[in-house]
Amino acid sequence: MLVKTRQKEKKIRDVSEGKVENLGEMEPLKEARNRVEGSSSSDNSNGRTSGGGRRSPTNCLIKPPVKKNTIPIDLKLHNDIRAVERARFAHQVAEKRRLIKQYKMERERQQKLEEQEEIKRLRKELIPKAQLMPYFDRPFVPRRSEKQPTVPREPKFCIPRHKTIRCCRMSCNDMSGPS
């Protein structure tokens, strides 16, 4: 900030002293300076001096240099970038769907061909043919089993004492006791 202020002061001093030769944009400022000098010389001739006879840069009507118009730069908005990415993604999704659809159609065509082949094979196999007669030259004679027959056991209908419910046992004992 301090450097910029010093540079501005130096430019004003150079312009007021006439040291700057290539002003370009400051031509109107030279005319203003000449007007100010002319009026200050008349003031000096009348006996009025400003600040001890030396002109200060604040008395001078010099305009600061005019800034050039700013050139706009192309903006890259996030929406534009997202739109491009989204279009690329939509294209990839469409490509995947097309490949999946093509794969399904190919699979269905293969399945249809397999079914047709299976039907042809079954039709050839299922032609009714006469069954061969069984051989009766060796008659079937069942043989006796070599295993021992199972021995049956009687079921146990009584409940062991340790598995009975205690309250039932007490009630049973109470009933048998007084009589």
C-alpha atoms as a PDB file:
ATOM      1  CA  MET A   1       0.000   0.000   0.000  1.00  0.00           C
ATOM      2  CA  LEU A   2       2.821   2.344   0.916  1.00  0.00           C
ATOM      3  CA  VAL A   3       4.687   1.479  -2.305  1.00  0.00           C
ATOM      4  CA  LYS A   4       1.664   2.309  -4.449  1.00  0.00           C
ATOM      5  CA  THR A   5       1.209   5.644  -2.720  1.00  0.00           C
ATOM      6  CA  ARG A   6       4.881   6.517  -3.310  1.00  0.00           C
ATOM      7  CA  GLN A   7       4.613   5.551  -6.971  1.00  0.00           C
ATOM      8  CA  LYS A   8       1.562   7.775  -7.400  1.00  0.00           C
ATOM      9  CA  GLU A   9       3.351  10.677  -5.721  1.00  0.00           C
ATOM     10  CA  LYS A  10       6.368  10.177  -7.991  1.00  0.00           C
ATOM     11  CA  LYS A  11       4.169  10.178 -11.101  1.00  0.00           C
ATOM     12  CA  ILE A  12       2.442  13.360  -9.975  1.00  0.00           C
ATOM     13  CA  ARG A  13       5.812  15.015  -9.261  1.00  0.00           C
ATOM     14  CA  ASP A  14       7.220  13.928 -12.635  1.00  0.00           C
ATOM     15  CA  VAL A  15       4.168  15.210 -14.481  1.00  0.00           C
ATOM     16  CA  SER A  16       4.183  18.519 -12.631  1.00  0.00           C
ATOM     17  CA  GLU A  17       7.894  19.026 -13.326  1.00  0.00           C
ATOM     18  CA  GLY A  18       7.502  17.968 -16.956  1.00  0.00           C
ATOM     19  CA  LYS A  19       9.943  15.054 -16.740  1.00  0.00           C
ATOM     20  CA  VAL A  20       7.509  12.529 -18.219  1.00  0.00           C
ATOM     21  CA  GLU A  21       7.691  12.643 -22.001  1.00  0.00           C
ATOM     22  CA  ASN A  22       5.538   9.702 -23.120  1.00  0.00           C
ATOM     23  CA  LEU A  23       2.239  10.331 -21.423  1.00  0.00           C
ATOM     24  CA  GLY A  24      -0.034   8.885 -24.080  1.00  0.00           C
ATOM     25  CA  GLU A  25      -3.199   8.912 -22.006  1.00  0.00           C
ATOM     26  CA  MET A  26      -2.207  12.021 -20.038  1.00  0.00           C
ATOM     27  CA  GLU A  27      -2.275  14.596 -22.912  1.00  0.00           C
ATOM     28  CA  PRO A  28      -5.349  16.319 -21.445  1.00  0.00           C
ATOM     29  CA  LEU A  29      -3.495  16.508 -18.154  1.00  0.00           C
ATOM     30  CA  LYS A  30      -0.679  18.534 -19.766  1.00  0.00           C
ATOM     31  CA  GLU A  31      -3.212  21.072 -20.904  1.00  0.00           C
ATOM     32  CA  ALA A  32      -4.681  21.243 -17.406  1.00  0.00           C
ATOM     33  CA  ARG A  33      -1.186  21.746 -16.007  1.00  0.00           C
ATOM     34  CA  ASN A  34      -0.506  24.579 -18.430  1.00  0.00           C
ATOM     35  CA  ARG A  35      -3.758  26.230 -17.384  1.00  0.00           C
ATOM     36  CA  VAL A  36      -2.844  25.872 -13.732  1.00  0.00           C
ATOM     37  CA  GLU A  37       0.654  27.256 -14.355  1.00  0.00           C
ATOM     38  CA  GLY A  38      -0.794  30.198 -16.216  1.00  0.00           C
ATOM     39  CA  SER A  39      -3.160  31.020 -13.387  1.00  0.00           C
ATOM     40  CA  SER A  40      -0.472  30.527 -10.763  1.00  0.00           C
ATOM     41  CA  SER A  41       1.894  32.888 -12.588  1.00  0.00           C
ATOM     42  CA  SER A  42      -0.804  35.538 -12.595  1.00  0.00           C
ATOM     43  CA  ASP A  43      -1.338  34.896  -8.897  1.00  0.00           C
ATOM     44  CA  ASN A  44       2.378  35.298  -8.344  1.00  0.00           C
ATOM     45  CA  SER A  45       2.375  38.546 -10.276  1.00  0.00           C
ATOM     46  CA  ASN A  46      -0.329  39.908  -8.020  1.00  0.00           C
ATOM     47  CA  GLY A  47       1.838  39.218  -5.063  1.00  0.00           C
ATOM     48  CA  ARG A  48       0.073  36.130  -3.863  1.00  0.00           C
ATOM     49  CA  THR A  49       2.261  33.105  -3.399  1.00  0.00           C
ATOM     50  CA  SER A  50       1.169  29.741  -2.259  1.00  0.00           C
ATOM     51  CA  GLY A  51       3.437  28.020   0.226  1.00  0.00           C
ATOM     52  CA  GLY A  52       6.558  30.067  -0.164  1.00  0.00           C
ATOM     53  CA  GLY A  53       6.551  30.359  -3.944  1.00  0.00           C
ATOM     54  CA  ARG A  54       6.817  26.682  -4.653  1.00  0.00           C
ATOM     55  CA  ARG A  55       3.876  24.794  -6.127  1.00  0.00           C
ATOM     56  CA  SER A  56       2.769  21.715  -4.261  1.00  0.00           C
ATOM     57  CA  PRO A  57       1.288  18.687  -6.047  1.00  0.00           C
ATOM     58  CA  THR A  58      -2.011  19.223  -4.218  1.00  0.00           C
ATOM     59  CA  ASN A  59      -2.521  22.627  -5.854  1.00  0.00           C
ATOM     60  CA  CYS A  60      -2.134  21.082  -9.282  1.00  0.00           C
ATOM     61  CA  LEU A  61      -5.298  19.850 -10.992  1.00  0.00           C
ATOM     62  CA  ILE A  62      -3.763  16.692 -12.371  1.00  0.00           C
ATOM     63  CA  LYS A  63      -6.081  13.758 -12.745  1.00  0.00           C
ATOM     64  CA  PRO A  64      -4.769  10.344 -11.854  1.00  0.00           C
ATOM     65  CA  PRO A  65      -3.967   8.161 -14.868  1.00  0.00           C
ATOM     66  CA  VAL A  66      -7.010   6.555 -16.421  1.00  0.00           C
ATOM     67  CA  LYS A  67      -7.074   2.807 -16.077  1.00  0.00           C
ATOM     68  CA  LYS A  68      -7.559   0.715 -19.159  1.00  0.00           C
ATOM     69  CA  ASN A  69     -10.793  -1.164 -19.515  1.00  0.00           C
ATOM     70  CA  THR A  70     -10.600  -4.637 -18.055  1.00  0.00           C
ATOM     71  CA  ILE A  71     -10.786  -7.444 -20.520  1.00  0.00           C
ATOM     72  CA  PRO A  72     -13.239 -10.117 -19.433  1.00  0.00           C
ATOM     73  CA  ILE A  73     -11.932 -13.652 -19.280  1.00  0.00           C
ATOM     74  CA  ASP A  74     -13.885 -16.727 -20.209  1.00  0.00           C
ATOM     75  CA  LEU A  75     -15.583 -18.189 -17.199  1.00  0.00           C
ATOM     76  CA  LYS A  76     -15.624 -21.897 -16.667  1.00  0.00           C
ATOM     77  CA  LEU A  77     -18.692 -22.508 -14.599  1.00  0.00           C
ATOM     78  CA  HIS A  78     -19.049 -25.663 -12.571  1.00  0.00           C
ATOM     79  CA  ASN A  79     -22.403 -26.265 -14.259  1.00  0.00           C
ATOM     80  CA  ASP A  80     -20.720 -26.506 -17.659  1.00  0.00           C
ATOM     81  CA  ILE A  81     -18.128 -28.958 -16.371  1.00  0.00           C
ATOM     82  CA  ARG A  82     -20.834 -31.039 -14.653  1.00  0.00           C
ATOM     83  CA  ALA A  83     -22.920 -31.031 -17.836  1.00  0.00           C
ATOM     84  CA  VAL A  84     -20.005 -32.454 -19.825  1.00  0.00           C
ATOM     85  CA  GLU A  85     -19.306 -35.111 -17.179  1.00  0.00           C
ATOM     86  CA  ARG A  86     -23.013 -35.987 -16.978  1.00  0.00           C
ATOM     87  CA  ALA A  87     -23.245 -36.323 -20.767  1.00  0.00           C
ATOM     88  CA  ARG A  88     -20.211 -38.635 -20.744  1.00  0.00           C
ATOM     89  CA  PHE A  89     -21.758 -40.687 -17.920  1.00  0.00           C
ATOM     90  CA  ALA A  90     -25.136 -40.871 -19.727  1.00  0.00           C
ATOM     91  CA  HIS A  91     -23.326 -42.080 -22.852  1.00  0.00           C
ATOM     92  CA  GLN A  92     -21.559 -44.820 -20.841  1.00  0.00           C
ATOM     93  CA  VAL A  93     -24.852 -45.914 -19.253  1.00  0.00           C
ATOM     94  CA  ALA A  94     -26.555 -46.040 -22.657  1.00  0.00           C
ATOM     95  CA  GLU A  95     -23.648 -48.095 -24.019  1.00  0.00           C
ATOM     96  CA  LYS A  96     -23.894 -50.558 -21.095  1.00  0.00           C
ATOM     97  CA  ARG A  97     -27.643 -50.921 -21.553  1.00  0.00           C
ATOM     98  CA  ARG A  98     -27.180 -51.552 -25.261  1.00  0.00           C
ATOM     99  CA  LEU A  99     -24.551 -54.232 -24.543  1.00  0.00           C
ATOM    100  CA  ILE A 100     -26.775 -55.870 -21.909  1.00  0.00           C
ATOM    101  CA  LYS A 101     -29.730 -55.887 -24.299  1.00  0.00           C
ATOM    102  CA  GLN A 102     -27.567 -57.375 -27.040  1.00  0.00           C
ATOM    103  CA  TYR A 103     -26.244 -60.019 -24.621  1.00  0.00           C
ATOM    104  CA  LYS A 104     -29.795 -60.940 -23.536  1.00  0.00           C
ATOM    105  CA  MET A 105     -30.954 -61.256 -27.137  1.00  0.00           C
ATOM    106  CA  GLU A 106     -27.966 -63.479 -27.949  1.00  0.00           C
ATOM    107  CA  ARG A 107     -28.630 -65.631 -24.883  1.00  0.00           C
ATOM    108  CA  GLU A 108     -32.327 -65.998 -25.783  1.00  0.00           C
ATOM    109  CA  ARG A 109     -31.393 -66.985 -29.343  1.00  0.00           C
ATOM    110  CA  GLN A 110     -28.932 -69.612 -28.019  1.00  0.00           C
ATOM    111  CA  GLN A 111     -31.541 -70.919 -25.586  1.00  0.00           C
ATOM    112  CA  LYS A 112     -34.111 -71.175 -28.363  1.00  0.00           C
ATOM    113  CA  LEU A 113     -31.666 -73.134 -30.524  1.00  0.00           C
ATOM    114  CA  GLU A 114     -30.871 -75.482 -27.616  1.00  0.00           C
ATOM    115  CA  GLU A 115     -34.569 -76.064 -26.965  1.00  0.00           C
ATOM    116  CA  GLN A 116     -35.169 -76.858 -30.623  1.00  0.00           C
ATOM    117  CA  GLU A 117     -32.263 -79.329 -30.608  1.00  0.00           C
ATOM    118  CA  GLU A 118     -33.618 -80.911 -27.418  1.00  0.00           C
ATOM    119  CA  ILE A 119     -37.068 -81.252 -28.942  1.00  0.00           C
ATOM    120  CA  LYS A 120     -35.615 -82.907 -32.074  1.00  0.00           C
ATOM    121  CA  ARG A 121     -33.593 -85.319 -29.933  1.00  0.00           C
ATOM    122  CA  LEU A 122     -36.593 -86.203 -27.750  1.00  0.00           C
ATOM    123  CA  ARG A 123     -38.800 -86.801 -30.789  1.00  0.00           C
ATOM    124  CA  LYS A 124     -36.247 -89.244 -32.152  1.00  0.00           C
ATOM    125  CA  GLU A 125     -35.968 -91.044 -28.795  1.00  0.00           C
ATOM    126  CA  LEU A 126     -39.669 -91.121 -28.019  1.00  0.00           C
ATOM    127  CA  ILE A 127     -40.777 -92.939 -31.127  1.00  0.00           C
ATOM    128  CA  PRO A 128     -42.849 -95.821 -29.783  1.00  0.00           C
ATOM    129  CA  LYS A 129     -40.970 -99.087 -30.126  1.00  0.00           C
ATOM    130  CA  ALA A 130     -41.918-102.592 -29.088  1.00  0.00           C
ATOM    131  CA  GLN A 131     -40.405-103.660 -25.787  1.00  0.00           C
ATOM    132  CA  LEU A 132     -38.291-106.750 -25.698  1.00  0.00           C
ATOM    133  CA  MET A 133     -39.734-109.863 -24.118  1.00  0.00           C
ATOM    134  CA  PRO A 134     -38.258-110.776 -20.724  1.00  0.00           C
ATOM    135  CA  TYR A 135     -36.125-113.890 -20.462  1.00  0.00           C
ATOM    136  CA  PHE A 136     -38.078-116.754 -18.906  1.00  0.00           C
ATOM    137  CA  ASP A 137     -35.357-119.341 -19.226  1.00  0.00           C
ATOM    138  CA  ARG A 138     -34.198-118.600 -15.648  1.00  0.00           C
ATOM    139  CA  PRO A 139     -37.219-118.306 -13.391  1.00  0.00           C
ATOM    140  CA  PHE A 140     -37.002-116.070 -10.301  1.00  0.00           C
ATOM    141  CA  VAL A 141     -36.728-117.929  -7.000  1.00  0.00           C
ATOM    142  CA  PRO A 142     -36.597-115.748  -3.881  1.00  0.00           C
ATOM    143  CA  ARG A 143     -33.927-116.699  -1.335  1.00  0.00           C
ATOM    144  CA  ARG A 144     -34.265-116.657   2.393  1.00  0.00           C
ATOM    145  CA  SER A 145     -32.528-113.798   4.229  1.00  0.00           C
ATOM    146  CA  GLU A 146     -29.401-114.564   6.180  1.00  0.00           C
ATOM    147  CA  LYS A 147     -30.061-111.932   8.878  1.00  0.00           C
ATOM    148  CA  GLN A 148     -31.505-112.840  12.267  1.00  0.00           C
ATOM    149  CA  PRO A 149     -35.074-111.707  12.871  1.00  0.00           C
ATOM    150  CA  THR A 150     -35.531-108.845  15.358  1.00  0.00           C
ATOM    151  CA  VAL A 151     -36.597-109.631  18.908  1.00  0.00           C
ATOM    152  CA  PRO A 152     -39.540-107.485  20.050  1.00  0.00           C
ATOM    153  CA  ARG A 153     -39.407-105.721  23.431  1.00  0.00           C
ATOM    154  CA  GLU A 154     -42.311-104.688  25.583  1.00  0.00           C
ATOM    155  CA  PRO A 155     -42.915-100.985  25.978  1.00  0.00           C
ATOM    156  CA  LYS A 156     -42.441 -99.398  29.413  1.00  0.00           C
ATOM    157  CA  PHE A 157     -45.649 -97.721  30.505  1.00  0.00           C
ATOM    158  CA  CYS A 158     -44.624 -96.919  34.074  1.00  0.00           C
ATOM    159  CA  ILE A 159     -43.001 -93.576  34.896  1.00  0.00           C
ATOM    160  CA  PRO A 160     -39.804 -93.735  36.976  1.00  0.00           C
ATOM    161  CA  ARG A 161     -39.997 -92.070  40.397  1.00  0.00           C
ATOM    162  CA  HIS A 162     -37.349 -89.428  39.739  1.00  0.00           C
ATOM    163  CA  LYS A 163     -39.293 -88.138  36.694  1.00  0.00           C
ATOM    164  CA  THR A 164     -42.661 -87.709  38.427  1.00  0.00           C
ATOM    165  CA  ILE A 165     -43.834 -84.290  39.473  1.00  0.00           C
ATOM    166  CA  ARG A 166     -43.386 -83.628  43.195  1.00  0.00           C
ATOM    167  CA  CYS A 167     -46.750 -82.062  43.782  1.00  0.00           C
ATOM    168  CA  CYS A 168     -48.438 -85.099  42.297  1.00  0.00           C
ATOM    169  CA  ARG A 169     -46.386 -87.390  44.505  1.00  0.00           C
ATOM    170  CA  MET A 170     -47.399 -85.467  47.599  1.00  0.00           C
ATOM    171  CA  SER A 171     -51.024 -85.467  46.642  1.00  0.00           C
ATOM    172  CA  CYS A 172     -50.834 -89.186  45.941  1.00  0.00           C
ATOM    173  CA  ASN A 173     -49.191 -89.820  49.335  1.00  0.00           C
ATOM    174  CA  ASP A 174     -51.775 -87.653  51.119  1.00  0.00           C
ATOM    175  CA  MET A 175     -54.600 -89.575  49.600  1.00  0.00           C
ATOM    176  CA  SER A 176     -53.229 -92.955  50.568  1.00  0.00           C
ATOM    177  CA  GLY A 177     -52.156 -91.962  54.082  1.00  0.00           C
ATOM    178  CA  PRO A 178     -55.404 -91.312  56.071  1.00  0.00           C
ATOM    179  CA  SER A 179     -57.357 -94.253  54.893  1.00  0.00           C
END
